[in-house]
C-alpha atoms as a PDB file:
ATOM      1  CA  UNK A   1      47.674 104.255  92.780  1.00  0.00           C
ATOM      2  CA  UNK A   2      46.263 101.389  94.890  1.00  0.00           C
ATOM      3  CA  UNK A   3      44.002  98.895  93.183  1.00  0.00           C
ATOM      4  CA  UNK A   4      42.965  95.254  93.363  1.00  0.00           C
ATOM      5  CA  UNK A   5      42.376  92.955  90.400  1.00  0.00           C
ATOM      6  CA  UNK A   6      41.316  89.348  90.790  1.00  0.00           C
ATOM      7  CA  UNK A   7      43.943  87.153  89.116  1.00  0.00           C
ATOM      8  CA  UNK A   8      41.179  85.524  87.068  1.00  0.00           C
ATOM      9  CA  UNK A   9      40.859  88.801  85.158  1.00  0.00           C
ATOM     10  CA  UNK A  10      44.569  89.131  84.356  1.00  0.00           C
ATOM     11  CA  UNK A  11      46.077  90.232  82.075  1.00  0.00           C
ATOM     12  CA  UNK A  12      44.114  93.480  82.217  1.00  0.00           C
ATOM     13  CA  UNK A  13      44.446  96.947  80.705  1.00  0.00           C
ATOM     14  CA  UNK A  14      43.931 100.114  82.762  1.00  0.00           C
ATOM     15  CA  UNK A  15      43.792 103.770  81.842  1.00  0.00           C
ATOM     16  CA  UNK A  16      45.992 106.181  83.785  1.00  0.00           C
ATOM     17  CA  UNK A  17      47.410 109.697  83.514  1.00  0.00           C
ATOM     18  CA  UNK A  18      50.745 110.013  81.669  1.00  0.00           C
ATOM     19  CA  UNK A  19      53.738 109.030  83.807  1.00  0.00           C
ATOM     20  CA  UNK A  20      57.409 109.863  83.648  1.00  0.00           C
ATOM     21  CA  UNK A  21      59.925 107.032  83.837  1.00  0.00           C
ATOM     22  CA  UNK A  22      60.447 107.740  87.523  1.00  0.00           C
ATOM     23  CA  UNK A  23      56.727 107.781  88.243  1.00  0.00           C
ATOM     24  CA  UNK A  24      56.298 104.506  86.392  1.00  0.00           C
ATOM     25  CA  UNK A  25      59.139 102.931  88.381  1.00  0.00           C
ATOM     26  CA  UNK A  26      57.536 104.088  91.647  1.00  0.00           C
ATOM     27  CA  UNK A  27      54.153 102.752  90.519  1.00  0.00           C
ATOM     28  CA  UNK A  28      55.694  99.339  89.790  1.00  0.00           C
ATOM     29  CA  UNK A  29      57.411  99.331  93.178  1.00  0.00           C
ATOM     30  CA  UNK A  30      54.033  99.850  94.891  1.00  0.00           C
ATOM     31  CA  UNK A  31      52.789  96.561  93.374  1.00  0.00           C
ATOM     32  CA  UNK A  32      55.704  94.091  93.499  1.00  0.00           C
ATOM     33  CA  UNK A  33      53.428  91.083  92.995  1.00  0.00           C
ATOM     34  CA  UNK A  34      52.339  92.252  89.527  1.00  0.00           C
ATOM     35  CA  UNK A  35      54.121  92.976  86.245  1.00  0.00           C
ATOM     36  CA  UNK A  36      53.427  96.090  84.168  1.00  0.00           C
ATOM     37  CA  UNK A  37      53.954  97.430  80.678  1.00  0.00           C
ATOM     38  CA  UNK A  38      52.441 100.511  79.038  1.00  0.00           C
ATOM     39  CA  UNK A  39      51.124 100.887  75.519  1.00  0.00           C
ATOM     40  CA  UNK A  40      51.994 103.694  73.127  1.00  0.00           C
ATOM     41  CA  UNK A  41      48.638 105.241  74.083  1.00  0.00           C
ATOM     42  CA  UNK A  42      49.622 105.291  77.773  1.00  0.00           C
ATOM     43  CA  UNK A  43      47.409 102.425  78.920  1.00  0.00           C
ATOM     44  CA  UNK A  44      48.824 100.217  81.678  1.00  0.00           C
ATOM     45  CA  UNK A  45      48.900  96.497  80.919  1.00  0.00           C
ATOM     46  CA  UNK A  46      48.764  94.424  84.126  1.00  0.00           C
ATOM     47  CA  UNK A  47      50.001  90.838  84.033  1.00  0.00           C
ATOM     48  CA  UNK A  48      50.100  88.105  86.666  1.00  0.00           C
ATOM     49  CA  UNK A  49      53.344  86.605  87.966  1.00  0.00           C
ATOM     50  CA  UNK A  50      54.958  84.215  85.503  1.00  0.00           C
ATOM     51  CA  UNK A  51      54.052  80.550  85.883  1.00  0.00           C
ATOM     52  CA  UNK A  52      56.946  78.461  87.211  1.00  0.00           C
ATOM     53  CA  UNK A  53      57.365  76.380  84.049  1.00  0.00           C
ATOM     54  CA  UNK A  54      57.384  79.533  81.944  1.00  0.00           C
ATOM     55  CA  UNK A  55      60.042  80.986  84.234  1.00  0.00           C
ATOM     56  CA  UNK A  56      62.168  77.855  83.774  1.00  0.00           C
ATOM     57  CA  UNK A  57      61.818  78.144  80.005  1.00  0.00           C
ATOM     58  CA  UNK A  58      62.676  81.836  80.104  1.00  0.00           C
ATOM     59  CA  UNK A  59      65.786  81.032  82.115  1.00  0.00           C
ATOM     60  CA  UNK A  60      66.874  78.467  79.527  1.00  0.00           C
ATOM     61  CA  UNK A  61      66.392  80.905  76.647  1.00  0.00           C
ATOM     62  CA  UNK A  62      68.109  83.789  78.393  1.00  0.00           C
ATOM     63  CA  UNK A  63      70.984  81.607  79.540  1.00  0.00           C
ATOM     64  CA  UNK A  64      71.742  80.369  76.035  1.00  0.00           C
ATOM     65  CA  UNK A  65      71.537  83.888  74.598  1.00  0.00           C
ATOM     66  CA  UNK A  66      73.816  85.293  77.317  1.00  0.00           C
ATOM     67  CA  UNK A  67      76.451  82.617  76.748  1.00  0.00           C
ATOM     68  CA  UNK A  68      76.478  83.338  73.025  1.00  0.00           C
ATOM     69  CA  UNK A  69      76.587  87.115  73.557  1.00  0.00           C
ATOM     70  CA  UNK A  70      79.532  86.805  75.951  1.00  0.00           C
ATOM     71  CA  UNK A  71      81.497  84.935  73.300  1.00  0.00           C
ATOM     72  CA  UNK A  72      80.368  87.234  70.477  1.00  0.00           C
ATOM     73  CA  UNK A  73      81.201  90.411  72.394  1.00  0.00           C
ATOM     74  CA  UNK A  74      79.215  92.927  70.323  1.00  0.00           C
ATOM     75  CA  UNK A  75      76.167  93.283  72.542  1.00  0.00           C
ATOM     76  CA  UNK A  76      74.517  92.529  75.836  1.00  0.00           C
ATOM     77  CA  UNK A  77      71.433  90.572  76.851  1.00  0.00           C
ATOM     78  CA  UNK A  78      68.537  91.700  79.015  1.00  0.00           C
ATOM     79  CA  UNK A  79      65.925  89.437  80.574  1.00  0.00           C
ATOM     80  CA  UNK A  80      62.242  89.935  81.256  1.00  0.00           C
ATOM     81  CA  UNK A  81      62.520  92.219  84.278  1.00  0.00           C
ATOM     82  CA  UNK A  82      64.253  94.941  82.239  1.00  0.00           C
ATOM     83  CA  UNK A  83      62.136  97.637  80.618  1.00  0.00           C
ATOM     84  CA  UNK A  84      62.636  99.662  77.436  1.00  0.00           C
ATOM     85  CA  UNK A  85      60.894 102.817  76.267  1.00  0.00           C
ATOM     86  CA  UNK A  86      60.276 102.296  72.567  1.00  0.00           C
ATOM     87  CA  UNK A  87      60.314 105.154  70.046  1.00  0.00           C
ATOM     88  CA  UNK A  88      56.475 105.131  70.022  1.00  0.00           C
ATOM     89  CA  UNK A  89      56.439 105.731  73.804  1.00  0.00           C
ATOM     90  CA  UNK A  90      55.404 102.227  74.876  1.00  0.00           C
ATOM     91  CA  UNK A  91      57.237 100.652  77.815  1.00  0.00           C
ATOM     92  CA  UNK A  92      57.926  97.018  77.022  1.00  0.00           C
ATOM     93  CA  UNK A  93      59.852  94.174  78.641  1.00  0.00           C
ATOM     94  CA  UNK A  94      60.693  91.352  76.213  1.00  0.00           C
ATOM     95  CA  UNK A  95      61.336  87.950  77.754  1.00  0.00           C
ATOM     96  CA  UNK A  96      64.854  88.131  76.298  1.00  0.00           C
ATOM     97  CA  UNK A  97      66.580  90.728  74.154  1.00  0.00           C
ATOM     98  CA  UNK A  98      69.936  91.579  72.620  1.00  0.00           C
ATOM     99  CA  UNK A  99      71.200  95.134  72.196  1.00  0.00           C
ATOM    100  CA  UNK A 100      74.390  96.245  70.451  1.00  0.00           C
ATOM    101  CA  UNK A 101      76.834  97.965  72.799  1.00  0.00           C
ATOM    102  CA  UNK A 102      77.297 100.759  70.249  1.00  0.00           C
ATOM    103  CA  UNK A 103      73.585 101.595  70.529  1.00  0.00           C
ATOM    104  CA  UNK A 104      73.717 101.659  74.317  1.00  0.00           C
ATOM    105  CA  UNK A 105      76.697 104.033  74.255  1.00  0.00           C
ATOM    106  CA  UNK A 106      74.544 106.585  72.393  1.00  0.00           C
ATOM    107  CA  UNK A 107      72.150 106.949  75.338  1.00  0.00           C
ATOM    108  CA  UNK A 108      72.257 110.001  77.565  1.00  0.00           C
ATOM    109  CA  UNK A 109      73.153 109.508  81.207  1.00  0.00           C
ATOM    110  CA  UNK A 110      69.573 109.684  82.484  1.00  0.00           C
ATOM    111  CA  UNK A 111      68.357 107.007  80.103  1.00  0.00           C
ATOM    112  CA  UNK A 112      71.474 104.911  80.643  1.00  0.00           C
ATOM    113  CA  UNK A 113      70.799 104.696  84.381  1.00  0.00           C
ATOM    114  CA  UNK A 114      67.032 104.265  83.963  1.00  0.00           C
ATOM    115  CA  UNK A 115      64.848 102.720  81.286  1.00  0.00           C
ATOM    116  CA  UNK A 116      66.743 102.573  78.033  1.00  0.00           C
ATOM    117  CA  UNK A 117      64.994 104.639  75.388  1.00  0.00           C
ATOM    118  CA  UNK A 118      65.525 102.295  72.454  1.00  0.00           C
ATOM    119  CA  UNK A 119      64.201  99.148  70.872  1.00  0.00           C
ATOM    120  CA  UNK A 120      66.438  96.085  71.115  1.00  0.00           C
ATOM    121  CA  UNK A 121      67.727  94.782  67.782  1.00  0.00           C
ATOM    122  CA  UNK A 122      66.612  91.248  68.704  1.00  0.00           C
ATOM    123  CA  UNK A 123      63.673  90.286  70.906  1.00  0.00           C
ATOM    124  CA  UNK A 124      62.164  87.021  72.122  1.00  0.00           C
ATOM    125  CA  UNK A 125      58.711  86.577  73.608  1.00  0.00           C
ATOM    126  CA  UNK A 126      57.811  83.238  75.178  1.00  0.00           C
ATOM    127  CA  UNK A 127      54.077  82.627  75.143  1.00  0.00           C
ATOM    128  CA  UNK A 128      52.631  81.310  78.403  1.00  0.00           C
ATOM    129  CA  UNK A 129      49.183  79.828  78.951  1.00  0.00           C
ATOM    130  CA  UNK A 130      47.916  83.181  80.238  1.00  0.00           C
ATOM    131  CA  UNK A 131      49.055  85.108  77.151  1.00  0.00           C
ATOM    132  CA  UNK A 132      46.483  85.990  74.524  1.00  0.00           C
ATOM    133  CA  UNK A 133      47.896  85.141  71.125  1.00  0.00           C
ATOM    134  CA  UNK A 134      46.646  88.288  69.311  1.00  0.00           C
ATOM    135  CA  UNK A 135      48.192  90.473  72.013  1.00  0.00           C
ATOM    136  CA  UNK A 136      51.579  88.727  71.796  1.00  0.00           C
ATOM    137  CA  UNK A 137      51.577  88.944  68.007  1.00  0.00           C
ATOM    138  CA  UNK A 138      50.691  92.645  68.173  1.00  0.00           C
ATOM    139  CA  UNK A 139      53.599  93.181  70.558  1.00  0.00           C
ATOM    140  CA  UNK A 140      55.978  91.415  68.155  1.00  0.00           C
ATOM    141  CA  UNK A 141      54.804  93.648  65.314  1.00  0.00           C
ATOM    142  CA  UNK A 142      55.294  96.661  67.567  1.00  0.00           C
ATOM    143  CA  UNK A 143      58.919  95.719  68.214  1.00  0.00           C
ATOM    144  CA  UNK A 144      59.579  95.418  64.479  1.00  0.00           C
ATOM    145  CA  UNK A 145      57.819  98.723  63.744  1.00  0.00           C
ATOM    146  CA  UNK A 146      59.998 100.422  66.364  1.00  0.00           C
ATOM    147  CA  UNK A 147      63.348  99.207  65.090  1.00  0.00           C
ATOM    148  CA  UNK A 148      63.855  95.553  66.022  1.00  0.00           C
ATOM    149  CA  UNK A 149      65.573  93.709  63.191  1.00  0.00           C
ATOM    150  CA  UNK A 150      64.571  90.214  64.294  1.00  0.00           C
ATOM    151  CA  UNK A 151      62.001  88.776  66.686  1.00  0.00           C
ATOM    152  CA  UNK A 152      60.991  85.297  67.784  1.00  0.00           C
ATOM    153  CA  UNK A 153      57.668  84.422  69.388  1.00  0.00           C
ATOM    154  CA  UNK A 154      58.092  80.985  70.918  1.00  0.00           C
ATOM    155  CA  UNK A 155      55.005  78.919  71.767  1.00  0.00           C
ATOM    156  CA  UNK A 156      56.080  75.826  73.732  1.00  0.00           C
ATOM    157  CA  UNK A 157      52.571  74.390  73.970  1.00  0.00           C
ATOM    158  CA  UNK A 158      52.474  73.700  70.225  1.00  0.00           C
ATOM    159  CA  UNK A 159      56.261  73.792  69.691  1.00  0.00           C
ATOM    160  CA  UNK A 160      56.363  76.593  67.156  1.00  0.00           C
ATOM    161  CA  UNK A 161      58.482  79.684  66.585  1.00  0.00           C
ATOM    162  CA  UNK A 162      57.096  82.677  64.714  1.00  0.00           C
ATOM    163  CA  UNK A 163      59.921  84.670  63.143  1.00  0.00           C
ATOM    164  CA  UNK A 164      59.385  88.417  62.656  1.00  0.00           C
ATOM    165  CA  UNK A 165      61.488  90.560  60.302  1.00  0.00           C
ATOM    166  CA  UNK A 166      61.052  94.112  58.967  1.00  0.00           C
ATOM    167  CA  UNK A 167      59.082  94.321  55.746  1.00  0.00           C
ATOM    168  CA  UNK A 168      58.085  90.650  55.704  1.00  0.00           C
ATOM    169  CA  UNK A 169      55.203  88.528  56.884  1.00  0.00           C
ATOM    170  CA  UNK A 170      55.951  86.393  59.965  1.00  0.00           C
ATOM    171  CA  UNK A 171      57.424  82.975  59.201  1.00  0.00           C
ATOM    172  CA  UNK A 172      56.131  79.952  61.116  1.00  0.00           C
ATOM    173  CA  UNK A 173      58.652  77.263  62.100  1.00  0.00           C
ATOM    174  CA  UNK A 174      57.108  74.097  63.549  1.00  0.00           C
ATOM    175  CA  UNK A 175      58.484  71.029  65.242  1.00  0.00           C
ATOM    176  CA  UNK A 176      62.184  71.862  65.171  1.00  0.00           C
ATOM    177  CA  UNK A 177      64.724  71.286  67.936  1.00  0.00           C
ATOM    178  CA  UNK A 178      66.593  74.538  67.225  1.00  0.00           C
ATOM    179  CA  UNK A 179      66.236  77.931  65.568  1.00  0.00           C
ATOM    180  CA  UNK A 180      69.111  79.894  64.055  1.00  0.00           C
ATOM    181  CA  UNK A 181      69.649  83.611  64.460  1.00  0.00           C
ATOM    182  CA  UNK A 182      70.329  86.008  61.614  1.00  0.00           C
ATOM    183  CA  UNK A 183      70.984  89.700  61.099  1.00  0.00           C
ATOM    184  CA  UNK A 184      72.004  91.227  64.444  1.00  0.00           C
ATOM    185  CA  UNK A 185      72.430  87.798  66.071  1.00  0.00           C
ATOM    186  CA  UNK A 186      73.947  85.894  63.163  1.00  0.00           C
ATOM    187  CA  UNK A 187      75.664  82.836  64.619  1.00  0.00           C
ATOM    188  CA  UNK A 188      73.342  82.362  67.587  1.00  0.00           C
ATOM    189  CA  UNK A 189      71.484  79.049  67.598  1.00  0.00           C
ATOM    190  CA  UNK A 190      68.838  78.434  70.260  1.00  0.00           C
ATOM    191  CA  UNK A 191      68.559  74.784  71.294  1.00  0.00           C
ATOM    192  CA  UNK A 192      64.837  74.339  71.857  1.00  0.00           C
ATOM    193  CA  UNK A 193      64.839  70.886  73.413  1.00  0.00           C
ATOM    194  CA  UNK A 194      64.999  72.149  77.010  1.00  0.00           C
ATOM    195  CA  UNK A 195      62.571  74.944  76.140  1.00  0.00           C
ATOM    196  CA  UNK A 196      59.972  72.477  74.935  1.00  0.00           C
ATOM    197  CA  UNK A 197      60.587  70.268  78.002  1.00  0.00           C
ATOM    198  CA  UNK A 198      62.740  71.722  80.819  1.00  0.00           C
ATOM    199  CA  UNK A 199      62.631  68.350  82.613  1.00  0.00           C
ATOM    200  CA  UNK A 200      64.100  66.429  79.702  1.00  0.00           C
ATOM    201  CA  UNK A 201      67.774  67.335  80.164  1.00  0.00           C
END
């Protein structure tokens, strides 16, 4: 499915026929310079490559979560290049996520070796300058509606964290140097200082 979109118009949403996981993987491989997700309605969301500073921040977040998960031992961490098929059919790739090993063991072999058909228990989205705030917030609500037990939307430009939990309104945390996990990631504490300013350390 060849196409060209000027980067000034990204992110963009396209309509396309339904695709299997394999077809979606092949479609992504045809366009390695772009990043794709699909909505529950089957629309393709096209995003530009991540800005370098955002990538550095993502690396900091994922690194801290991975170190904690390795010590905790109950789950594993995926970063932004990994995709999940949510119960509503959307294909999403959180910037960082934690999944219990017991949940992964329930997957059939096809899903285990492909896109995992589940919603991570804990998800993090890092807002970049190109992200539209309503779209990121809608994605966070989608994770919660599909089974996530905790979600953080981190906005480094204004140094806030929006905390999402099932059955509750999002909680806004502003100006802090850390944020503590709960529920599935009880005991994890994200040091935000190098997220706010990766050059500070």
